[in-house]
Protein backbone atom coordinates (compact mmCIF):
# COMPACT_ATOMS: atom_id res chain seq x y z
CA MET A 1 22.08 3.65 22.76
CA ILE A 2 19.12 1.43 21.87
CA GLY A 3 15.94 2.00 24.03
CA ARG A 4 14.38 -0.91 25.93
CA ARG A 5 11.01 -0.20 23.46
CA ARG A 6 13.37 -0.75 20.59
CA PHE A 7 15.02 -3.87 22.32
CA LEU A 8 11.47 -5.38 22.86
CA GLN A 9 10.23 -4.58 19.59
CA ALA A 10 12.77 -6.42 17.78
CA ILE A 11 12.93 -9.56 20.05
CA ALA A 12 8.76 -9.82 19.18
CA ALA A 13 9.53 -9.23 15.60
CA GLY A 14 12.30 -12.02 15.59
CA VAL A 15 14.99 -9.43 14.45
CA SER A 16 18.51 -10.00 15.46
CA LEU A 17 19.89 -7.35 17.86
CA SER A 18 22.97 -7.31 15.61
CA ASN A 19 20.75 -5.62 13.07
CA LEU A 20 20.00 -2.85 15.35
CA ALA A 21 21.52 0.62 15.17
CA PRO A 22 20.41 4.08 15.87
CA LEU A 23 18.20 5.45 12.92
CA PRO A 24 19.78 8.30 11.12
CA LYS A 25 18.98 11.96 12.34
CA ARG A 26 18.42 12.97 8.75
CA LYS A 27 14.82 14.73 8.44
CA ARG A 28 12.86 13.27 6.13
CA LEU A 29 9.04 14.06 4.92
CA VAL A 30 7.44 10.43 5.69
CA VAL A 31 4.40 9.06 4.34
CA ASP A 32 2.74 5.73 5.05
CA THR A 33 1.13 5.24 1.58
CA HIS A 34 -0.74 1.89 2.60
CA LEU A 35 -2.33 1.44 6.12
CA GLU A 36 -5.21 -0.97 6.74
CA VAL A 37 -7.12 -0.20 10.06
CA TRP A 38 -10.13 -1.68 11.50
CA THR A 39 -12.36 -1.56 14.76
CA LEU A 40 -14.35 -4.16 16.64
CA ASN A 41 -17.13 -1.56 17.22
CA ALA A 42 -20.36 -2.88 16.01
CA LYS A 43 -21.48 -0.03 14.36
CA TYR A 44 -19.02 -1.24 11.68
CA PRO A 45 -20.11 -4.79 10.90
CA PHE A 46 -17.79 -7.36 8.96
CA ARG A 47 -18.82 -8.21 5.06
CA HIS A 48 -15.92 -9.85 3.91
CA PRO A 49 -16.66 -10.53 0.09
CA GLU A 50 -15.10 -14.12 0.33
CA PRO A 51 -16.74 -15.09 3.69
CA GLN A 52 -15.60 -19.14 3.10
CA ARG A 53 -11.59 -17.43 3.41
CA PHE A 54 -12.69 -15.00 6.28
CA GLN A 55 -10.98 -15.21 9.57
CA PRO A 56 -12.61 -12.42 11.86
CA PRO A 57 -9.69 -10.72 13.61
CA SER A 58 -9.23 -11.33 17.13
CA ILE A 59 -7.63 -7.80 18.02
CA GLU A 60 -8.54 -4.41 16.48
CA ALA A 61 -6.14 -2.01 14.99
CA PRO A 62 -8.01 1.45 15.58
CA ILE A 63 -7.06 4.52 13.92
CA GLU A 64 -6.19 6.32 17.31
CA ASN A 65 -3.13 3.73 17.31
CA GLN A 66 -1.64 5.08 14.30
CA VAL A 67 -2.07 8.77 15.28
CA ALA A 68 -0.26 7.83 18.12
CA VAL A 69 2.40 6.04 16.11
CA MET A 70 2.54 8.98 13.44
CA GLU A 71 3.22 11.48 16.64
CA GLU A 72 5.83 9.13 17.71
CA PHE A 73 7.69 8.63 14.44
CA ASP A 74 6.75 12.34 13.10
CA ILE A 75 5.05 10.50 9.89
CA ARG A 76 3.30 13.76 8.38
CA TYR A 77 0.55 11.80 6.53
CA ALA A 78 -0.94 8.35 5.74
CA VAL A 79 -3.21 6.64 2.93
CA LEU A 80 -6.03 4.68 4.60
CA ILE A 81 -6.96 1.30 2.79
CA ASN A 82 -10.08 -0.25 3.88
CA PRO A 83 -9.20 -3.65 4.65
CA ARG A 84 -11.35 -6.88 3.22
CA TYR A 85 -12.88 -7.42 6.28
CA TYR A 86 -15.67 -4.74 5.67
CA GLY A 87 -16.30 -5.58 2.01
CA TRP A 88 -17.85 -2.75 -0.21
CA ASP A 89 -18.57 -0.76 2.87
CA ASN A 90 -15.96 2.07 3.47
CA SER A 91 -17.90 3.72 6.14
CA TYR A 92 -15.00 3.19 8.74
CA ILE A 93 -12.19 4.60 7.07
CA ALA A 94 -14.35 7.43 5.54
CA ASP A 95 -15.30 8.51 9.11
CA CYS A 96 -11.54 7.95 10.40
CA ARG A 97 -10.46 10.32 7.64
CA SER A 98 -13.31 12.94 8.38
CA ARG A 99 -11.86 12.88 12.19
CA PHE A 100 -8.54 13.50 11.52
CA PRO A 101 -8.69 15.42 7.99
CA ASN A 102 -5.07 16.97 8.31
CA ARG A 103 -3.29 13.49 8.67
CA PHE A 104 -5.06 11.09 6.05
CA VAL A 105 -6.60 10.43 2.79
CA ALA A 106 -8.31 7.14 2.16
CA HIS A 107 -8.78 4.41 -0.58
CA GLY A 108 -12.26 2.17 -0.18
CA LEU A 109 -13.23 -0.83 -2.04
CA ILE A 110 -15.15 -1.28 -4.89
CA ASN A 111 -16.92 -4.32 -6.21
CA PRO A 112 -15.55 -5.00 -9.82
CA LEU A 113 -18.24 -6.95 -10.77
CA ASP A 114 -20.97 -4.36 -9.74
CA PRO A 115 -22.37 -2.68 -13.07
CA GLN A 116 -23.03 0.40 -11.00
CA ASN A 117 -19.54 0.80 -9.38
CA SER A 118 -18.80 4.11 -11.20
CA THR A 119 -21.91 5.59 -9.39
CA GLN A 120 -20.51 3.74 -6.42
CA LEU A 121 -17.05 5.64 -7.05
CA GLU A 122 -18.70 9.05 -7.16
CA TYR A 123 -20.94 8.70 -3.82
CA TRP A 124 -17.75 7.70 -1.91
CA ILE A 125 -15.36 10.22 -3.21
CA ARG A 126 -18.21 13.24 -3.43
CA GLU A 127 -20.06 12.45 -0.64
CA ARG A 128 -17.61 10.47 2.02
CA GLY A 129 -14.33 12.06 1.20
CA LEU A 130 -12.46 9.43 -0.37
CA VAL A 131 -9.78 9.70 -2.68
CA GLY A 132 -9.19 6.45 -4.57
CA MET A 133 -10.03 2.92 -4.61
CA ARG A 134 -8.14 -0.36 -3.90
CA LEU A 135 -8.88 -3.34 -6.58
CA SER A 136 -7.60 -6.89 -5.95
CA PRO A 137 -7.55 -9.31 -8.74
CA ILE A 138 -5.21 -11.38 -6.87
CA TYR A 139 -8.60 -12.84 -5.15
CA HIS A 140 -10.07 -13.99 -8.17
CA SER A 141 -9.25 -17.19 -10.49
CA ASP A 142 -11.22 -15.28 -13.38
CA GLN A 143 -10.29 -11.82 -13.46
CA THR A 144 -11.33 -10.88 -17.05
CA TRP A 145 -13.28 -8.12 -15.34
CA LEU A 146 -9.58 -6.12 -15.19
CA ASN A 147 -9.77 -4.85 -18.23
CA SER A 148 -13.29 -5.44 -19.31
CA ALA A 149 -15.25 -2.99 -21.48
CA GLN A 150 -17.87 -3.35 -18.62
CA ASN A 151 -15.46 -1.44 -16.30
CA TYR A 152 -14.61 1.42 -18.71
CA PRO A 153 -17.32 3.89 -17.16
CA LEU A 154 -15.63 2.88 -13.70
CA TRP A 155 -12.23 4.42 -14.96
CA LYS A 156 -13.68 6.89 -17.13
CA LYS A 157 -15.36 8.30 -13.79
CA ALA A 158 -12.11 7.55 -12.08
CA GLU A 159 -10.20 10.22 -14.38
CA GLN A 160 -13.24 13.05 -14.13
CA LEU A 161 -12.87 12.63 -10.33
CA GLY A 162 -9.14 12.34 -10.09
CA ALA A 163 -9.28 9.29 -8.28
CA VAL A 164 -6.38 6.99 -7.46
CA PHE A 165 -6.51 3.23 -7.94
CA ASN A 166 -4.04 0.77 -6.18
CA PHE A 167 -4.13 -2.96 -6.95
CA TYR A 168 -3.70 -6.09 -5.20
CA ILE A 169 -2.20 -7.91 -8.22
CA ALA A 170 -0.08 -10.98 -9.24
CA PRO A 171 2.71 -10.59 -12.20
CA HIS A 172 0.44 -12.89 -14.80
CA GLN A 173 -2.37 -10.20 -14.56
CA MET A 174 -0.16 -7.21 -15.33
CA PRO A 175 -0.87 -7.13 -19.17
CA GLN A 176 -4.40 -6.27 -18.22
CA LEU A 177 -3.56 -3.72 -15.89
CA GLU A 178 -1.16 -2.34 -18.61
CA ASP A 179 -4.21 -1.92 -21.04
CA MET A 180 -6.10 -0.12 -18.81
CA ALA A 181 -3.27 2.16 -17.60
CA LYS A 182 -2.67 3.07 -21.35
CA ARG A 183 -6.50 3.43 -21.93
CA PHE A 184 -6.96 5.79 -18.90
CA GLN A 185 -3.98 7.63 -18.72
CA GLY A 186 -5.57 10.26 -16.12
CA VAL A 187 -6.07 7.62 -13.72
CA LYS A 188 -2.77 7.32 -11.17
CA ILE A 189 -2.27 3.75 -10.43
CA VAL A 190 -0.40 1.97 -7.54
CA VAL A 191 0.75 -1.40 -7.81
CA ASP A 192 0.75 -2.91 -4.33
CA HIS A 193 3.68 -5.05 -2.46
CA MET A 194 6.29 -5.02 -5.27
CA GLY A 195 3.83 -6.79 -7.80
CA LYS A 196 3.89 -9.88 -5.19
CA PRO A 197 7.30 -11.51 -6.58
CA ASP A 198 7.78 -15.56 -6.16
CA VAL A 199 11.26 -15.13 -4.68
CA SER A 200 12.06 -18.45 -5.78
CA GLU A 201 11.91 -17.35 -9.47
CA LEU A 202 14.86 -17.85 -11.38
CA PRO A 203 16.34 -15.65 -13.95
CA PRO A 204 15.18 -14.36 -16.71
CA TYR A 205 12.20 -13.68 -14.26
CA ARG A 206 9.73 -14.39 -17.26
CA ASN A 207 6.56 -14.32 -15.07
CA TYR A 208 7.53 -11.57 -12.77
CA SER A 209 9.02 -9.21 -15.77
CA LYS A 210 5.37 -8.91 -16.78
CA LEU A 211 5.52 -5.96 -14.27
CA PHE A 212 8.15 -4.20 -15.99
CA SER A 213 5.67 -3.11 -19.05
CA LEU A 214 4.03 -0.88 -16.75
CA ALA A 215 7.45 1.24 -16.58
CA LYS A 216 6.31 2.81 -19.88
CA CYS A 217 3.35 3.92 -18.25
CA PRO A 218 3.88 7.36 -16.51
CA ASN A 219 0.86 7.10 -14.46
CA VAL A 220 1.96 3.91 -12.67
CA TRP A 221 3.85 3.66 -9.25
CA VAL A 222 5.18 0.52 -7.57
CA SER A 223 4.75 0.18 -3.54
CA ALA A 224 7.98 -1.35 -2.24
CA SER A 225 5.91 -2.54 0.82
CA GLU A 226 5.62 -5.62 2.86
CA PRO A 227 8.99 -7.69 1.96
CA TYR A 228 8.30 -9.85 4.69
CA GLU A 229 5.19 -11.23 2.96
CA ASP A 230 7.11 -12.58 0.09
CA SER A 231 10.59 -13.40 1.68
CA LYS A 232 10.93 -17.32 1.86
CA THR A 233 13.79 -17.04 5.05
CA LYS A 234 11.26 -14.62 7.00
CA GLU A 235 14.64 -13.48 8.19
CA TYR A 236 14.99 -9.52 8.55
CA PRO A 237 15.87 -7.78 6.49
CA TYR A 238 14.61 -10.13 3.63
CA ARG A 239 17.56 -10.18 1.56
CA ASP A 240 16.24 -12.62 -0.63
CA THR A 241 13.69 -10.08 -2.02
CA PHE A 242 16.17 -7.59 -2.73
CA PRO A 243 16.85 -8.80 -6.40
CA PHE A 244 13.28 -7.99 -7.03
CA LEU A 245 13.40 -4.69 -5.47
CA ARG A 246 16.62 -4.03 -7.29
CA MET A 247 14.42 -4.79 -10.90
CA ILE A 248 11.83 -2.42 -9.57
CA TYR A 249 14.42 0.15 -9.16
CA ASP A 250 16.13 -0.41 -12.41
CA HIS A 251 13.01 -0.27 -14.36
CA PHE A 252 10.79 2.29 -12.68
CA GLY A 253 13.21 4.17 -10.89
CA ALA A 254 13.33 5.98 -7.26
CA GLU A 255 10.93 8.53 -8.73
CA ARG A 256 8.35 6.05 -9.23
CA MET A 257 8.38 3.91 -5.92
CA ILE A 258 6.75 4.59 -2.72
CA TRP A 259 6.63 3.12 0.98
CA GLY A 260 4.15 1.84 2.90
CA THR A 261 3.91 -0.44 6.30
CA GLY A 262 0.49 -2.25 5.78
CA TYR A 263 -0.84 -2.42 9.39
CA PRO A 264 -0.52 -0.43 12.48
CA ARG A 265 0.18 -1.17 15.93
CA PRO A 266 -0.35 -4.16 17.54
CA ARG A 267 -0.88 -5.98 13.94
CA TRP A 268 2.87 -4.91 13.03
CA GLU A 269 4.76 -7.75 11.08
CA LEU A 270 7.65 -5.14 11.51
CA PRO A 271 7.21 -2.34 14.45
CA MET A 272 7.60 0.99 12.86
CA ASP A 273 11.27 2.05 13.70
CA LEU A 274 12.40 -1.18 12.02
CA GLU A 275 10.07 -0.28 8.75
CA LEU A 276 11.91 2.62 8.56
CA GLN A 277 15.48 1.35 9.33
CA LEU A 278 14.99 -1.18 6.15
CA VAL A 279 14.67 1.72 3.96
CA GLU A 280 17.23 4.15 5.68
CA ARG A 281 20.06 1.32 6.33
CA GLU A 282 19.53 -1.95 4.93
CA ILE A 283 18.95 -1.50 1.07
CA PRO A 284 22.15 -1.02 -0.36
CA PHE A 285 21.60 0.64 -3.54
CA TYR A 286 19.30 3.53 -2.25
CA SER A 287 20.98 6.93 -2.12
CA GLU A 288 19.72 9.81 0.14
CA ARG A 289 18.04 11.42 -2.62
CA ASP A 290 16.24 7.89 -3.28
CA LYS A 291 15.11 7.62 0.36
CA ASP A 292 13.55 11.16 0.42
CA LEU A 293 11.61 10.17 -2.78
CA ILE A 294 10.67 6.64 -1.67
CA LEU A 295 9.47 7.52 1.92
CA GLY A 296 7.45 10.49 1.24
CA LEU A 297 8.19 13.06 -1.75
CA ASN A 298 6.86 10.60 -4.27
CA ALA A 299 3.42 10.33 -2.30
CA LEU A 300 2.84 14.12 -2.91
CA LYS A 301 2.75 13.47 -6.54
CA ILE A 302 0.05 10.96 -6.25
CA TRP A 303 -2.40 12.26 -3.79
CA LYS A 304 -3.46 15.40 -2.49
CA PHE A 305 -2.69 15.81 1.13
CA PRO A 306 -4.49 18.36 3.03
CA GLU A 307 -2.11 21.23 4.99
CA ARG A 308 -1.79 20.26 8.45
CA LEU A 309 -2.75 22.97 10.77
């Protein structure tokens, strides 16, 4: 039977009821590796680094919502990501992590053009309890900073601190990231959102295939998240993204893929049970072991999560 809540969530998400089925009873460790939370509390003012493109959110998606979701769906841990709303001020997610230390680790944002960013990295990790940073070259028309010698100190500091970097990055920028991944092999790297494929690209995928060189770097993982953002049809389960997901799977293997949602209730593009169903039931080439790895076990290789009480 499909409950009333799930029925209403499916309708709100534009999901055909023919796609719904009871979720499997198999027990897995589940870790949401990409969760952006925010509040409208004036204690945490918005300072978007690209104010010209900034539209303040009309609703908030506070940490309390995610805690409730994790309890409802038995999600063990999550990785908090500072949304771009706050710019380089990571105070909100740092405070969220400190309030719920047995559920979350947290990534901030850091200014890649700040010559003192290695000092900033040390502050946020040593003093405020973060475990990594997100860098977003996809927003920069000039991304020469990505593998600039100016940022070698940032990467060296990340190696010393055991920091994790996740990247919101376009396919044509991958060679620069590969350069840094090889130079600084002690930094664990996550490529967000499948490396942002253009699903209209045709074989032999010359642009998207720039991602696959990173498979040679054992310190790189790929997040198989947010397929609805890249889908052209926008129809669940976003089958037009499956060929790209399959290429990631073939090059990196299930051992170097992770899962994340992006946003919590109420900002969901997909409600949580449909996010889980997408992995559990819709991806045709995942084995049961693959699902264990992608939904949770691989995350334990990247982040040091606290023991739950």
